[in-house]
Amino acid sequence: MAKVLPETETTLDSTPPREEQDDNTTMNQYLRNKKLVLDFLHSDLNSHLLQYHQNKVHLLKKCYFYLKFEPSHVCVRDQNNMMIFADILQIANPCQLQKIKKMGKKQTEIQLALLTELLEELEQGREELSHYVQICDVEAFLSQWDLNIKKVLKLSMFFKKLVSLEEPRRLHVKHSLVSQIHLGGALHPPITFSLYMKKPPIFDRIESFACQTWAQLKWSTESQEELHLERWQLEIKLVTDDSQTEPGHAHTQEVISNVCVINHLLPGRLYEFKVRRSYTPMLVYSQWHDCIILKTKTHPAEDAKEAPNLSLMRQPDEAAQQF
């Protein structure tokens, strides 16, 4: 006859030991916490995503930043006390406009510095968290959890801040841009100020070349703007070294096309070319310009050697602006 065990005894036999239960709970917590950090590393701190933002900030530092205000026109009274629709830029107080532009420049410098700092924090944080998830000792991992979950929350906040700072921001201005002389006693119109940017021109290293006495230069921007509507400043400089007694000469000229031909160059010499956007009254910040160095040919025959079929020899673009 089978022996019937007491109910308390069967319950004890089917329940895992307390120590084993604690181990399972600890392991589940370890796996759950580790997954949370790994998910964060694979999303916001993904290496490809951080590289994308690195490239974006690198380009931002080369961009041109401009002041924009809305509305661009206001109603004012003329000398005959008649209401006219005037361009704000034409009636703006020059001193106040300069103050606002300085504010825009300062804000841009701070914004770019913050972006650099945030990227450094995110890169360092990614490295530290990557080391943390490699800890295999469960107790050691969990003992550092509070510190590292705070780090995850902080880095998540930094990432959101990074994204928000990658676009030019509104300026909070207290200055009155239009003087009361033009307003004729009317209230100063509500004007909002903000910044916007344009991509830098970058030389086309293939389409830019030099022959014996002339060079063709071509550049473009990464944006889809109408390049033929823009104005550019091109600087041409003869490169000299200490062994040459002649002084190097340089000059700057304004160009209305993104392709131009520079004539009257010396054969067999190095020339440095720089391109930048032309100055406008609303420009507040620009710190970078592209540069290319080309060497003119010593003899016309050098062009023929590079292209045995004379019909294939490089010719200036027909649409290029000539100088």
C-alpha atoms as a PDB file:
ATOM      1  CA  MET A   1       0.000   0.000   0.000  1.00  0.00           C
ATOM      2  CA  ALA A   2       1.375   3.393  -1.028  1.00  0.00           C
ATOM      3  CA  LYS A   3       2.440   5.659   1.744  1.00  0.00           C
ATOM      4  CA  VAL A   4       0.659   9.015   1.765  1.00  0.00           C
ATOM      5  CA  LEU A   5       3.015  11.882   2.633  1.00  0.00           C
ATOM      6  CA  PRO A   6       1.853  14.811   4.673  1.00  0.00           C
ATOM      7  CA  GLU A   7       0.869  17.923   2.630  1.00  0.00           C
ATOM      8  CA  THR A   8       3.616  20.047   4.153  1.00  0.00           C
ATOM      9  CA  GLU A   9       6.268  17.559   3.143  1.00  0.00           C
ATOM     10  CA  THR A  10       5.148  17.419  -0.546  1.00  0.00           C
ATOM     11  CA  THR A  11       5.139  21.243  -0.743  1.00  0.00           C
ATOM     12  CA  LEU A  12       8.693  21.479   0.513  1.00  0.00           C
ATOM     13  CA  ASP A  13       9.878  18.904  -1.990  1.00  0.00           C
ATOM     14  CA  SER A  14       8.374  20.783  -5.016  1.00  0.00           C
ATOM     15  CA  THR A  15       9.609  24.279  -4.057  1.00  0.00           C
ATOM     16  CA  PRO A  16      13.159  25.264  -5.166  1.00  0.00           C
ATOM     17  CA  PRO A  17      15.495  26.217  -2.373  1.00  0.00           C
ATOM     18  CA  ARG A  18      15.423  29.879  -1.320  1.00  0.00           C
ATOM     19  CA  GLU A  19      19.009  30.371  -2.415  1.00  0.00           C
ATOM     20  CA  GLU A  20      18.218  29.056  -5.914  1.00  0.00           C
ATOM     21  CA  GLN A  21      15.252  31.445  -6.183  1.00  0.00           C
ATOM     22  CA  ASP A  22      17.478  34.398  -5.279  1.00  0.00           C
ATOM     23  CA  ASP A  23      20.034  33.343  -7.888  1.00  0.00           C
ATOM     24  CA  ASN A  24      17.357  33.188 -10.595  1.00  0.00           C
ATOM     25  CA  THR A  25      16.018  36.623  -9.648  1.00  0.00           C
ATOM     26  CA  THR A  26      19.517  38.096  -9.702  1.00  0.00           C
ATOM     27  CA  MET A  27      20.294  36.540 -13.083  1.00  0.00           C
ATOM     28  CA  ASN A  28      17.029  37.806 -14.584  1.00  0.00           C
ATOM     29  CA  GLN A  29      17.752  41.283 -13.307  1.00  0.00           C
ATOM     30  CA  TYR A  30      21.282  41.125 -14.745  1.00  0.00           C
ATOM     31  CA  LEU A  31      20.010  40.051 -18.171  1.00  0.00           C
ATOM     32  CA  ARG A  32      17.228  42.647 -18.165  1.00  0.00           C
ATOM     33  CA  ASN A  33      19.562  45.497 -17.200  1.00  0.00           C
ATOM     34  CA  LYS A  34      22.217  44.398 -19.660  1.00  0.00           C
ATOM     35  CA  LYS A  35      19.662  44.324 -22.485  1.00  0.00           C
ATOM     36  CA  LEU A  36      18.549  47.861 -21.631  1.00  0.00           C
ATOM     37  CA  VAL A  37      22.103  49.206 -21.956  1.00  0.00           C
ATOM     38  CA  LEU A  38      22.751  47.235 -25.149  1.00  0.00           C
ATOM     39  CA  ASP A  39      19.545  48.566 -26.722  1.00  0.00           C
ATOM     40  CA  PHE A  40      20.674  52.106 -25.918  1.00  0.00           C
ATOM     41  CA  LEU A  41      24.126  51.458 -27.415  1.00  0.00           C
ATOM     42  CA  HIS A  42      22.529  50.094 -30.585  1.00  0.00           C
ATOM     43  CA  SER A  43      20.076  52.981 -30.952  1.00  0.00           C
ATOM     44  CA  ASP A  44      21.057  56.495 -29.805  1.00  0.00           C
ATOM     45  CA  LEU A  45      24.737  55.625 -29.354  1.00  0.00           C
ATOM     46  CA  ASN A  46      25.032  53.543 -32.501  1.00  0.00           C
ATOM     47  CA  SER A  47      28.530  54.102 -33.922  1.00  0.00           C
ATOM     48  CA  HIS A  48      27.205  54.808 -37.432  1.00  0.00           C
ATOM     49  CA  LEU A  49      24.694  57.309 -36.074  1.00  0.00           C
ATOM     50  CA  LEU A  50      27.359  59.104 -34.055  1.00  0.00           C
ATOM     51  CA  GLN A  51      29.593  59.242 -37.133  1.00  0.00           C
ATOM     52  CA  TYR A  52      26.695  60.788 -39.058  1.00  0.00           C
ATOM     53  CA  HIS A  53      26.384  63.521 -36.436  1.00  0.00           C
ATOM     54  CA  GLN A  54      30.159  63.982 -36.367  1.00  0.00           C
ATOM     55  CA  ASN A  55      30.097  64.646 -40.121  1.00  0.00           C
ATOM     56  CA  LYS A  56      27.116  66.958 -39.767  1.00  0.00           C
ATOM     57  CA  VAL A  57      28.786  69.074 -37.086  1.00  0.00           C
ATOM     58  CA  HIS A  58      32.025  69.107 -39.093  1.00  0.00           C
ATOM     59  CA  LEU A  59      30.075  70.564 -42.033  1.00  0.00           C
ATOM     60  CA  LEU A  60      28.221  73.031 -39.790  1.00  0.00           C
ATOM     61  CA  LYS A  61      31.537  74.531 -38.726  1.00  0.00           C
ATOM     62  CA  LYS A  62      32.239  75.303 -42.394  1.00  0.00           C
ATOM     63  CA  CYS A  63      28.826  76.844 -43.086  1.00  0.00           C
ATOM     64  CA  TYR A  64      27.861  80.495 -43.467  1.00  0.00           C
ATOM     65  CA  PHE A  65      25.337  81.810 -40.941  1.00  0.00           C
ATOM     66  CA  TYR A  66      23.016  84.698 -41.708  1.00  0.00           C
ATOM     67  CA  LEU A  67      20.565  86.866 -39.803  1.00  0.00           C
ATOM     68  CA  LYS A  68      16.922  86.755 -40.823  1.00  0.00           C
ATOM     69  CA  PHE A  69      14.055  88.853 -39.499  1.00  0.00           C
ATOM     70  CA  GLU A  70      10.309  88.699 -40.015  1.00  0.00           C
ATOM     71  CA  PRO A  71       8.462  90.615 -41.219  1.00  0.00           C
ATOM     72  CA  SER A  72      10.951  91.999 -43.721  1.00  0.00           C
ATOM     73  CA  HIS A  73       8.772  95.061 -44.469  1.00  0.00           C
ATOM     74  CA  VAL A  74       6.786  97.384 -42.190  1.00  0.00           C
ATOM     75  CA  CYS A  75       4.467 100.362 -42.574  1.00  0.00           C
ATOM     76  CA  VAL A  76       6.069 103.695 -41.634  1.00  0.00           C
ATOM     77  CA  ARG A  77       5.365 107.368 -42.287  1.00  0.00           C
ATOM     78  CA  ASP A  78       7.434 109.290 -44.799  1.00  0.00           C
ATOM     79  CA  GLN A  79       8.415 112.966 -44.651  1.00  0.00           C
ATOM     80  CA  ASN A  80       4.968 113.911 -45.954  1.00  0.00           C
ATOM     81  CA  ASN A  81       3.297 111.956 -43.162  1.00  0.00           C
ATOM     82  CA  MET A  82       2.117 109.354 -45.673  1.00  0.00           C
ATOM     83  CA  MET A  83       2.132 105.659 -44.767  1.00  0.00           C
ATOM     84  CA  ILE A  84       4.539 103.648 -46.919  1.00  0.00           C
ATOM     85  CA  PHE A  85       5.615  99.997 -46.999  1.00  0.00           C
ATOM     86  CA  ALA A  86       9.373 100.033 -46.264  1.00  0.00           C
ATOM     87  CA  ASP A  87      12.120  97.442 -46.258  1.00  0.00           C
ATOM     88  CA  ILE A  88      13.277  97.073 -42.637  1.00  0.00           C
ATOM     89  CA  LEU A  89      16.894  96.796 -43.768  1.00  0.00           C
ATOM     90  CA  GLN A  90      16.639 100.250 -45.362  1.00  0.00           C
ATOM     91  CA  ILE A  91      15.299 101.946 -42.226  1.00  0.00           C
ATOM     92  CA  ALA A  92      17.120  99.889 -39.589  1.00  0.00           C
ATOM     93  CA  ASN A  93      19.286 101.643 -37.023  1.00  0.00           C
ATOM     94  CA  PRO A  94      22.847 100.675 -38.148  1.00  0.00           C
ATOM     95  CA  CYS A  95      24.194 100.540 -34.573  1.00  0.00           C
ATOM     96  CA  GLN A  96      21.362  98.320 -33.368  1.00  0.00           C
ATOM     97  CA  LEU A  97      21.731  96.066 -36.414  1.00  0.00           C
ATOM     98  CA  GLN A  98      25.430  95.576 -35.639  1.00  0.00           C
ATOM     99  CA  LYS A  99      24.584  94.683 -32.030  1.00  0.00           C
ATOM    100  CA  ILE A 100      22.079  92.071 -33.197  1.00  0.00           C
ATOM    101  CA  LYS A 101      24.593  90.642 -35.671  1.00  0.00           C
ATOM    102  CA  LYS A 102      27.175  90.356 -32.878  1.00  0.00           C
ATOM    103  CA  MET A 103      24.587  88.498 -30.807  1.00  0.00           C
ATOM    104  CA  GLY A 104      24.017  86.160 -33.743  1.00  0.00           C
ATOM    105  CA  LYS A 105      27.730  85.522 -34.124  1.00  0.00           C
ATOM    106  CA  LYS A 106      28.165  84.861 -30.404  1.00  0.00           C
ATOM    107  CA  GLN A 107      25.193  82.497 -30.349  1.00  0.00           C
ATOM    108  CA  THR A 108      26.561  80.616 -33.356  1.00  0.00           C
ATOM    109  CA  GLU A 109      29.999  80.252 -31.729  1.00  0.00           C
ATOM    110  CA  ILE A 110      28.426  78.979 -28.500  1.00  0.00           C
ATOM    111  CA  GLN A 111      26.176  76.592 -30.420  1.00  0.00           C
ATOM    112  CA  LEU A 112      29.083  75.085 -32.378  1.00  0.00           C
ATOM    113  CA  ALA A 113      31.187  74.773 -29.216  1.00  0.00           C
ATOM    114  CA  LEU A 114      28.320  72.993 -27.430  1.00  0.00           C
ATOM    115  CA  LEU A 115      27.885  70.585 -30.337  1.00  0.00           C
ATOM    116  CA  THR A 116      31.576  69.679 -30.180  1.00  0.00           C
ATOM    117  CA  GLU A 117      31.371  69.179 -26.421  1.00  0.00           C
ATOM    118  CA  LEU A 118      28.214  67.046 -26.653  1.00  0.00           C
ATOM    119  CA  LEU A 119      29.778  64.795 -29.294  1.00  0.00           C
ATOM    120  CA  GLU A 120      32.825  64.273 -27.089  1.00  0.00           C
ATOM    121  CA  GLU A 121      30.574  63.380 -24.135  1.00  0.00           C
ATOM    122  CA  LEU A 122      28.588  60.907 -26.261  1.00  0.00           C
ATOM    123  CA  GLU A 123      31.720  59.266 -27.661  1.00  0.00           C
ATOM    124  CA  GLN A 124      33.225  58.904 -24.190  1.00  0.00           C
ATOM    125  CA  GLY A 125      29.921  57.651 -22.783  1.00  0.00           C
ATOM    126  CA  ARG A 126      29.617  55.040 -25.506  1.00  0.00           C
ATOM    127  CA  GLU A 127      33.103  53.766 -24.741  1.00  0.00           C
ATOM    128  CA  GLU A 128      32.394  53.555 -21.000  1.00  0.00           C
ATOM    129  CA  LEU A 129      29.044  51.784 -21.440  1.00  0.00           C
ATOM    130  CA  SER A 130      30.597  49.351 -23.956  1.00  0.00           C
ATOM    131  CA  HIS A 131      33.123  48.327 -21.297  1.00  0.00           C
ATOM    132  CA  TYR A 132      30.360  48.084 -18.705  1.00  0.00           C
ATOM    133  CA  VAL A 133      28.215  45.574 -20.676  1.00  0.00           C
ATOM    134  CA  GLN A 134      31.266  43.344 -21.116  1.00  0.00           C
ATOM    135  CA  ILE A 135      31.351  42.653 -17.377  1.00  0.00           C
ATOM    136  CA  CYS A 136      30.425  38.965 -16.992  1.00  0.00           C
ATOM    137  CA  ASP A 137      30.433  38.889 -13.182  1.00  0.00           C
ATOM    138  CA  VAL A 138      26.768  39.330 -12.246  1.00  0.00           C
ATOM    139  CA  GLU A 139      27.404  40.846  -8.811  1.00  0.00           C
ATOM    140  CA  ALA A 140      30.017  43.281 -10.163  1.00  0.00           C
ATOM    141  CA  PHE A 141      27.645  44.323 -12.959  1.00  0.00           C
ATOM    142  CA  LEU A 142      24.701  44.944 -10.645  1.00  0.00           C
ATOM    143  CA  SER A 143      26.835  46.739  -8.062  1.00  0.00           C
ATOM    144  CA  GLN A 144      27.571  49.429 -10.714  1.00  0.00           C
ATOM    145  CA  TRP A 145      24.016  49.592 -12.053  1.00  0.00           C
ATOM    146  CA  ASP A 146      22.821  52.742 -10.286  1.00  0.00           C
ATOM    147  CA  LEU A 147      25.816  54.704 -11.530  1.00  0.00           C
ATOM    148  CA  ASN A 148      25.453  53.483 -15.108  1.00  0.00           C
ATOM    149  CA  ILE A 149      21.691  53.888 -15.439  1.00  0.00           C
ATOM    150  CA  LYS A 150      22.208  57.528 -14.449  1.00  0.00           C
ATOM    151  CA  LYS A 151      24.852  57.703 -17.185  1.00  0.00           C
ATOM    152  CA  VAL A 152      22.373  56.268 -19.721  1.00  0.00           C
ATOM    153  CA  LEU A 153      19.744  58.874 -18.786  1.00  0.00           C
ATOM    154  CA  LYS A 154      22.308  61.690 -18.975  1.00  0.00           C
ATOM    155  CA  LEU A 155      23.606  60.559 -22.381  1.00  0.00           C
ATOM    156  CA  SER A 156      20.057  60.234 -23.684  1.00  0.00           C
ATOM    157  CA  MET A 157      19.451  63.852 -22.683  1.00  0.00           C
ATOM    158  CA  PHE A 158      22.742  64.888 -24.341  1.00  0.00           C
ATOM    159  CA  PHE A 159      21.720  63.178 -27.585  1.00  0.00           C
ATOM    160  CA  LYS A 160      18.382  65.015 -27.722  1.00  0.00           C
ATOM    161  CA  LYS A 161      20.223  68.276 -27.036  1.00  0.00           C
ATOM    162  CA  LEU A 162      22.681  67.503 -29.847  1.00  0.00           C
ATOM    163  CA  VAL A 163      19.895  67.001 -32.391  1.00  0.00           C
ATOM    164  CA  SER A 164      18.123  70.212 -31.337  1.00  0.00           C
ATOM    165  CA  LEU A 165      21.329  72.274 -31.627  1.00  0.00           C
ATOM    166  CA  GLU A 166      22.126  71.103 -35.147  1.00  0.00           C
ATOM    167  CA  GLU A 167      19.685  73.652 -36.555  1.00  0.00           C
ATOM    168  CA  PRO A 168      20.162  77.439 -36.317  1.00  0.00           C
ATOM    169  CA  ARG A 169      18.062  78.943 -33.553  1.00  0.00           C
ATOM    170  CA  ARG A 170      15.923  81.960 -32.902  1.00  0.00           C
ATOM    171  CA  LEU A 171      17.544  85.072 -31.425  1.00  0.00           C
ATOM    172  CA  HIS A 172      15.965  86.670 -28.372  1.00  0.00           C
ATOM    173  CA  VAL A 173      16.556  90.368 -28.989  1.00  0.00           C
ATOM    174  CA  LYS A 174      15.565  93.284 -26.778  1.00  0.00           C
ATOM    175  CA  HIS A 175      17.002  95.971 -29.053  1.00  0.00           C
ATOM    176  CA  SER A 176      14.687  98.155 -31.154  1.00  0.00           C
ATOM    177  CA  LEU A 177      15.862  97.709 -34.729  1.00  0.00           C
ATOM    178  CA  VAL A 178      13.862 100.584 -36.250  1.00  0.00           C
ATOM    179  CA  SER A 179      14.298 104.078 -34.794  1.00  0.00           C
ATOM    180  CA  GLN A 180      11.352 106.196 -33.713  1.00  0.00           C
ATOM    181  CA  ILE A 181      12.314 108.746 -36.377  1.00  0.00           C
ATOM    182  CA  HIS A 182      11.080 106.356 -39.051  1.00  0.00           C
ATOM    183  CA  LEU A 183       8.166 105.059 -37.015  1.00  0.00           C
ATOM    184  CA  GLY A 184       6.760 108.569 -36.562  1.00  0.00           C
ATOM    185  CA  GLY A 185       5.537 107.899 -33.038  1.00  0.00           C
ATOM    186  CA  ALA A 186       3.975 104.534 -33.897  1.00  0.00           C
ATOM    187  CA  LEU A 187       4.674 101.461 -31.800  1.00  0.00           C
ATOM    188  CA  HIS A 188       7.713  99.435 -32.763  1.00  0.00           C
ATOM    189  CA  PRO A 189       6.488  96.485 -34.869  1.00  0.00           C
ATOM    190  CA  PRO A 190       6.981  92.994 -33.452  1.00  0.00           C
ATOM    191  CA  ILE A 191      10.035  91.607 -35.239  1.00  0.00           C
ATOM    192  CA  THR A 192      11.370  88.090 -34.776  1.00  0.00           C
ATOM    193  CA  PHE A 193      15.047  87.357 -35.400  1.00  0.00           C
ATOM    194  CA  SER A 194      16.555  84.007 -36.298  1.00  0.00           C
ATOM    195  CA  LEU A 195      19.598  82.513 -37.974  1.00  0.00           C
ATOM    196  CA  TYR A 196      19.829  80.397 -41.092  1.00  0.00           C
ATOM    197  CA  MET A 197      22.790  78.815 -42.828  1.00  0.00           C
ATOM    198  CA  LYS A 198      24.155  78.098 -46.279  1.00  0.00           C
ATOM    199  CA  LYS A 199      26.538  75.299 -47.212  1.00  0.00           C
ATOM    200  CA  PRO A 200      30.127  76.245 -48.154  1.00  0.00           C
ATOM    201  CA  PRO A 201      31.393  76.114 -51.751  1.00  0.00           C
ATOM    202  CA  ILE A 202      33.857  73.258 -52.320  1.00  0.00           C
ATOM    203  CA  PHE A 203      36.151  72.899 -55.326  1.00  0.00           C
ATOM    204  CA  ASP A 204      35.546  70.088 -57.774  1.00  0.00           C
ATOM    205  CA  ARG A 205      38.987  68.445 -57.778  1.00  0.00           C
ATOM    206  CA  ILE A 206      38.344  66.770 -61.135  1.00  0.00           C
ATOM    207  CA  GLU A 207      36.821  69.653 -63.100  1.00  0.00           C
ATOM    208  CA  SER A 208      39.365  72.162 -61.745  1.00  0.00           C
ATOM    209  CA  PHE A 209      42.663  72.067 -63.662  1.00  0.00           C
ATOM    210  CA  ALA A 210      45.503  74.236 -64.965  1.00  0.00           C
ATOM    211  CA  CYS A 211      47.104  74.517 -68.404  1.00  0.00           C
ATOM    212  CA  GLN A 212      50.119  76.625 -69.398  1.00  0.00           C
ATOM    213  CA  THR A 213      48.728  80.135 -68.953  1.00  0.00           C
ATOM    214  CA  TRP A 214      45.196  79.593 -67.688  1.00  0.00           C
ATOM    215  CA  ALA A 215      43.222  77.537 -65.221  1.00  0.00           C
ATOM    216  CA  GLN A 216      39.607  76.479 -64.984  1.00  0.00           C
ATOM    217  CA  LEU A 217      37.962  76.356 -61.560  1.00  0.00           C
ATOM    218  CA  LYS A 218      34.666  74.780 -60.627  1.00  0.00           C
ATOM    219  CA  TRP A 219      32.960  74.454 -57.278  1.00  0.00           C
ATOM    220  CA  SER A 220      29.619  73.425 -55.829  1.00  0.00           C
ATOM    221  CA  THR A 221      27.744  73.099 -52.552  1.00  0.00           C
ATOM    222  CA  GLU A 222      26.067  70.072 -51.001  1.00  0.00           C
ATOM    223  CA  SER A 223      22.657  71.744 -51.150  1.00  0.00           C
ATOM    224  CA  GLN A 224      20.384  71.970 -54.184  1.00  0.00           C
ATOM    225  CA  GLU A 225      20.423  75.764 -54.330  1.00  0.00           C
ATOM    226  CA  GLU A 226      20.548  77.677 -57.607  1.00  0.00           C
ATOM    227  CA  LEU A 227      24.291  78.213 -57.908  1.00  0.00           C
ATOM    228  CA  HIS A 228      23.937  80.696 -60.774  1.00  0.00           C
ATOM    229  CA  LEU A 229      21.987  83.046 -58.500  1.00  0.00           C
ATOM    230  CA  GLU A 230      24.806  83.235 -55.964  1.00  0.00           C
ATOM    231  CA  ARG A 231      27.860  85.489 -55.859  1.00  0.00           C
ATOM    232  CA  TRP A 232      31.279  84.182 -54.908  1.00  0.00           C
ATOM    233  CA  GLN A 233      34.652  85.586 -53.933  1.00  0.00           C
ATOM    234  CA  LEU A 234      37.631  83.979 -55.608  1.00  0.00           C
ATOM    235  CA  GLU A 235      41.152  84.628 -54.357  1.00  0.00           C
ATOM    236  CA  ILE A 236      44.109  83.906 -56.652  1.00  0.00           C
ATOM    237  CA  LYS A 237      47.619  83.801 -55.210  1.00  0.00           C
ATOM    238  CA  LEU A 238      50.981  82.987 -56.778  1.00  0.00           C
ATOM    239  CA  VAL A 239      52.793  80.578 -54.459  1.00  0.00           C
ATOM    240  CA  THR A 240      56.440  81.456 -53.794  1.00  0.00           C
ATOM    241  CA  ASP A 241      59.101  80.058 -51.483  1.00  0.00           C
ATOM    242  CA  ASP A 242      62.241  81.430 -49.827  1.00  0.00           C
ATOM    243  CA  SER A 243      64.391  80.557 -52.859  1.00  0.00           C
ATOM    244  CA  GLN A 244      62.396  82.860 -55.136  1.00  0.00           C
ATOM    245  CA  THR A 245      63.240  86.547 -55.087  1.00  0.00           C
ATOM    246  CA  GLU A 246      60.037  87.778 -56.700  1.00  0.00           C
ATOM    247  CA  PRO A 247      57.193  88.670 -54.353  1.00  0.00           C
ATOM    248  CA  GLY A 248      54.058  86.575 -54.530  1.00  0.00           C
ATOM    249  CA  HIS A 249      51.042  88.475 -55.737  1.00  0.00           C
ATOM    250  CA  ALA A 250      47.384  87.872 -54.896  1.00  0.00           C
ATOM    251  CA  HIS A 251      44.078  89.409 -55.748  1.00  0.00           C
ATOM    252  CA  THR A 252      40.411  88.760 -55.064  1.00  0.00           C
ATOM    253  CA  GLN A 253      37.566  89.097 -57.507  1.00  0.00           C
ATOM    254  CA  GLU A 254      33.813  88.575 -57.390  1.00  0.00           C
ATOM    255  CA  VAL A 255      32.374  85.814 -59.539  1.00  0.00           C
ATOM    256  CA  ILE A 256      28.748  85.260 -60.571  1.00  0.00           C
ATOM    257  CA  SER A 257      29.202  81.695 -61.820  1.00  0.00           C
ATOM    258  CA  ASN A 258      30.443  78.530 -60.134  1.00  0.00           C
ATOM    259  CA  VAL A 259      32.703  77.884 -63.140  1.00  0.00           C
ATOM    260  CA  CYS A 260      35.357  80.368 -64.226  1.00  0.00           C
ATOM    261  CA  VAL A 261      38.560  80.539 -66.254  1.00  0.00           C
ATOM    262  CA  ILE A 262      41.541  82.512 -64.970  1.00  0.00           C
ATOM    263  CA  ASN A 263      43.830  83.760 -67.751  1.00  0.00           C
ATOM    264  CA  HIS A 264      47.290  85.383 -67.841  1.00  0.00           C
ATOM    265  CA  LEU A 265      48.959  82.906 -65.466  1.00  0.00           C
ATOM    266  CA  LEU A 266      52.706  82.228 -65.496  1.00  0.00           C
ATOM    267  CA  PRO A 267      53.833  78.863 -66.925  1.00  0.00           C
ATOM    268  CA  GLY A 268      55.263  76.236 -64.597  1.00  0.00           C
ATOM    269  CA  ARG A 269      54.116  77.932 -61.381  1.00  0.00           C
ATOM    270  CA  LEU A 270      51.993  77.001 -58.388  1.00  0.00           C
ATOM    271  CA  TYR A 271      48.814  78.965 -57.795  1.00  0.00           C
ATOM    272  CA  GLU A 272      46.623  78.839 -54.728  1.00  0.00           C
ATOM    273  CA  PHE A 273      42.899  79.422 -55.224  1.00  0.00           C
ATOM    274  CA  LYS A 274      40.366  80.054 -52.450  1.00  0.00           C
ATOM    275  CA  VAL A 275      36.614  80.338 -52.841  1.00  0.00           C
ATOM    276  CA  ARG A 276      34.020  81.689 -50.432  1.00  0.00           C
ATOM    277  CA  ARG A 277      30.552  83.167 -50.529  1.00  0.00           C
ATOM    278  CA  SER A 278      30.455  86.910 -51.152  1.00  0.00           C
ATOM    279  CA  TYR A 279      29.778  89.153 -48.179  1.00  0.00           C
ATOM    280  CA  THR A 280      26.208  90.282 -47.567  1.00  0.00           C
ATOM    281  CA  PRO A 281      24.928  92.684 -44.861  1.00  0.00           C
ATOM    282  CA  MET A 282      23.169  89.801 -43.075  1.00  0.00           C
ATOM    283  CA  LEU A 283      26.259  87.563 -42.766  1.00  0.00           C
ATOM    284  CA  VAL A 284      27.088  86.994 -39.094  1.00  0.00           C
ATOM    285  CA  TYR A 285      29.530  84.054 -39.095  1.00  0.00           C
ATOM    286  CA  SER A 286      31.948  82.332 -41.508  1.00  0.00           C
ATOM    287  CA  GLN A 287      35.262  80.806 -40.493  1.00  0.00           C
ATOM    288  CA  TRP A 288      36.195  78.419 -43.304  1.00  0.00           C
ATOM    289  CA  HIS A 289      36.947  78.485 -47.029  1.00  0.00           C
ATOM    290  CA  ASP A 290      38.017  75.789 -49.453  1.00  0.00           C
ATOM    291  CA  CYS A 291      41.460  75.961 -51.023  1.00  0.00           C
ATOM    292  CA  ILE A 292      43.055  74.228 -54.005  1.00  0.00           C
ATOM    293  CA  ILE A 293      46.626  74.463 -55.362  1.00  0.00           C
ATOM    294  CA  LEU A 294      47.235  73.915 -59.079  1.00  0.00           C
ATOM    295  CA  LYS A 295      50.451  74.003 -61.093  1.00  0.00           C
ATOM    296  CA  THR A 296      50.446  75.471 -64.595  1.00  0.00           C
ATOM    297  CA  LYS A 297      52.193  73.549 -67.384  1.00  0.00           C
ATOM    298  CA  THR A 298      55.731  74.565 -68.326  1.00  0.00           C
ATOM    299  CA  HIS A 299      55.230  73.949 -72.081  1.00  0.00           C
ATOM    300  CA  PRO A 300      52.133  73.570 -74.243  1.00  0.00           C
ATOM    301  CA  ALA A 301      53.410  70.143 -75.276  1.00  0.00           C
ATOM    302  CA  GLU A 302      52.745  68.835 -71.754  1.00  0.00           C
ATOM    303  CA  ASP A 303      49.028  69.020 -72.428  1.00  0.00           C
ATOM    304  CA  ALA A 304      49.505  67.009 -75.591  1.00  0.00           C
ATOM    305  CA  LYS A 305      51.478  64.344 -73.710  1.00  0.00           C
ATOM    306  CA  GLU A 306      48.644  63.937 -71.245  1.00  0.00           C
ATOM    307  CA  ALA A 307      46.111  63.696 -74.103  1.00  0.00           C
ATOM    308  CA  PRO A 308      47.699  62.174 -77.258  1.00  0.00           C
ATOM    309  CA  ASN A 309      44.477  62.786 -79.218  1.00  0.00           C
ATOM    310  CA  LEU A 310      44.480  66.600 -79.530  1.00  0.00           C
ATOM    311  CA  SER A 311      40.707  66.603 -79.763  1.00  0.00           C
ATOM    312  CA  LEU A 312      40.630  65.245 -76.210  1.00  0.00           C
ATOM    313  CA  MET A 313      42.821  68.013 -74.770  1.00  0.00           C
ATOM    314  CA  ARG A 314      41.131  69.893 -71.989  1.00  0.00           C
ATOM    315  CA  GLN A 315      39.266  72.982 -73.090  1.00  0.00           C
ATOM    316  CA  PRO A 316      37.638  75.634 -70.920  1.00  0.00           C
ATOM    317  CA  ASP A 317      33.948  75.256 -70.238  1.00  0.00           C
ATOM    318  CA  GLU A 318      32.000  77.395 -72.717  1.00  0.00           C
ATOM    319  CA  ALA A 319      29.742  78.625 -69.912  1.00  0.00           C
ATOM    320  CA  ALA A 320      32.678  79.567 -67.685  1.00  0.00           C
ATOM    321  CA  GLN A 321      33.198  83.171 -66.657  1.00  0.00           C
ATOM    322  CA  GLN A 322      36.470  84.497 -68.101  1.00  0.00           C
ATOM    323  CA  PHE A 323      39.054  86.624 -66.281  1.00  0.00           C
END
